[in-house]
Amino acid sequence: MAEKKIVVKGMSCGHCAGAVTKTLETTEGIRNVKVNLATGEVTYEEVNPVDAATISAKIKKAGYEVAG
């Protein structure tokens, strides 16, 4: 398992953090999602490889944007 980190733009409250957490935790191959609202950093464990484009698309569909 590899721990990954992304920065998500547009999160401003607990609801935002929950939406991003739920979006990632329902993605096959991802678990243990942690969101830091102050920095926008989201860390998670990849138990199976997940394409970065897939993650970005799911985050965008939830109403947020992956930085970079």
Protein backbone atom coordinates (compact mmCIF):
# COMPACT_ATOMS: atom_id res chain seq x y z
CA MET A 1 0.00 0.00 0.00
CA ALA A 2 1.24 3.43 -0.88
CA GLU A 3 0.17 6.61 0.84
CA LYS A 4 -0.65 9.35 -1.65
CA LYS A 5 -1.24 13.06 -1.21
CA ILE A 6 -3.17 15.51 -3.36
CA VAL A 7 -4.25 19.11 -2.88
CA VAL A 8 -7.92 19.86 -3.47
CA LYS A 9 -9.14 23.40 -4.15
CA GLY A 10 -12.57 24.67 -3.20
CA MET A 11 -13.06 23.02 0.19
CA SER A 12 -14.12 25.44 2.93
CA CYS A 13 -16.08 23.50 5.56
CA GLY A 14 -16.73 20.15 7.15
CA HIS A 15 -19.35 19.32 4.53
CA CYS A 16 -16.74 19.86 1.79
CA ALA A 17 -14.27 17.60 3.57
CA GLY A 18 -16.97 14.96 3.98
CA ALA A 19 -17.91 15.11 0.31
CA VAL A 20 -14.29 14.64 -0.79
CA THR A 21 -13.78 11.85 1.75
CA LYS A 22 -16.90 10.00 0.59
CA THR A 23 -15.97 10.47 -3.07
CA LEU A 24 -12.54 8.94 -2.57
CA GLU A 25 -13.56 6.20 -0.13
CA THR A 26 -16.13 4.91 -2.63
CA THR A 27 -13.39 4.62 -5.25
CA GLU A 28 -12.16 1.05 -5.59
CA GLY A 29 -8.56 0.74 -4.39
CA ILE A 30 -8.62 3.73 -2.00
CA ARG A 31 -9.04 3.73 1.77
CA ASN A 32 -8.13 5.72 4.90
CA VAL A 33 -8.87 9.14 3.42
CA LYS A 34 -7.87 12.11 5.58
CA VAL A 35 -8.67 15.73 4.70
CA ASN A 36 -6.88 18.79 6.10
CA LEU A 37 -9.18 21.74 5.42
CA ALA A 38 -6.57 24.32 6.45
CA THR A 39 -4.07 23.20 3.80
CA GLY A 40 -6.40 21.51 1.31
CA GLU A 41 -4.25 18.39 1.52
CA VAL A 42 -5.93 15.03 1.15
CA THR A 43 -4.01 11.87 2.01
CA TYR A 44 -5.17 8.34 1.29
CA GLU A 45 -3.87 4.80 0.94
CA GLU A 46 -3.90 3.10 -2.41
CA VAL A 47 -4.39 -0.64 -1.98
CA ASN A 48 -4.59 -1.02 -5.76
CA PRO A 49 -3.27 1.46 -8.33
CA VAL A 50 -5.80 4.17 -9.21
CA ASP A 51 -5.26 6.42 -12.21
CA ALA A 52 -4.75 10.10 -11.28
CA ALA A 53 -7.20 11.13 -14.03
CA THR A 54 -9.89 8.98 -12.42
CA ILE A 55 -9.34 10.64 -9.06
CA SER A 56 -9.38 14.12 -10.62
CA ALA A 57 -12.60 13.37 -12.49
CA LYS A 58 -14.35 12.11 -9.36
CA ILE A 59 -13.20 15.14 -7.33
CA LYS A 60 -14.42 17.47 -10.11
CA LYS A 61 -17.79 15.70 -10.26
CA ALA A 62 -18.13 16.33 -6.50
CA GLY A 63 -17.61 20.05 -7.15
CA TYR A 64 -13.93 20.52 -6.32
CA GLU A 65 -10.64 20.63 -8.19
CA VAL A 66 -7.34 18.84 -7.78
CA ALA A 67 -4.53 21.40 -7.79
CA GLY A 68 -1.65 20.70 -10.15
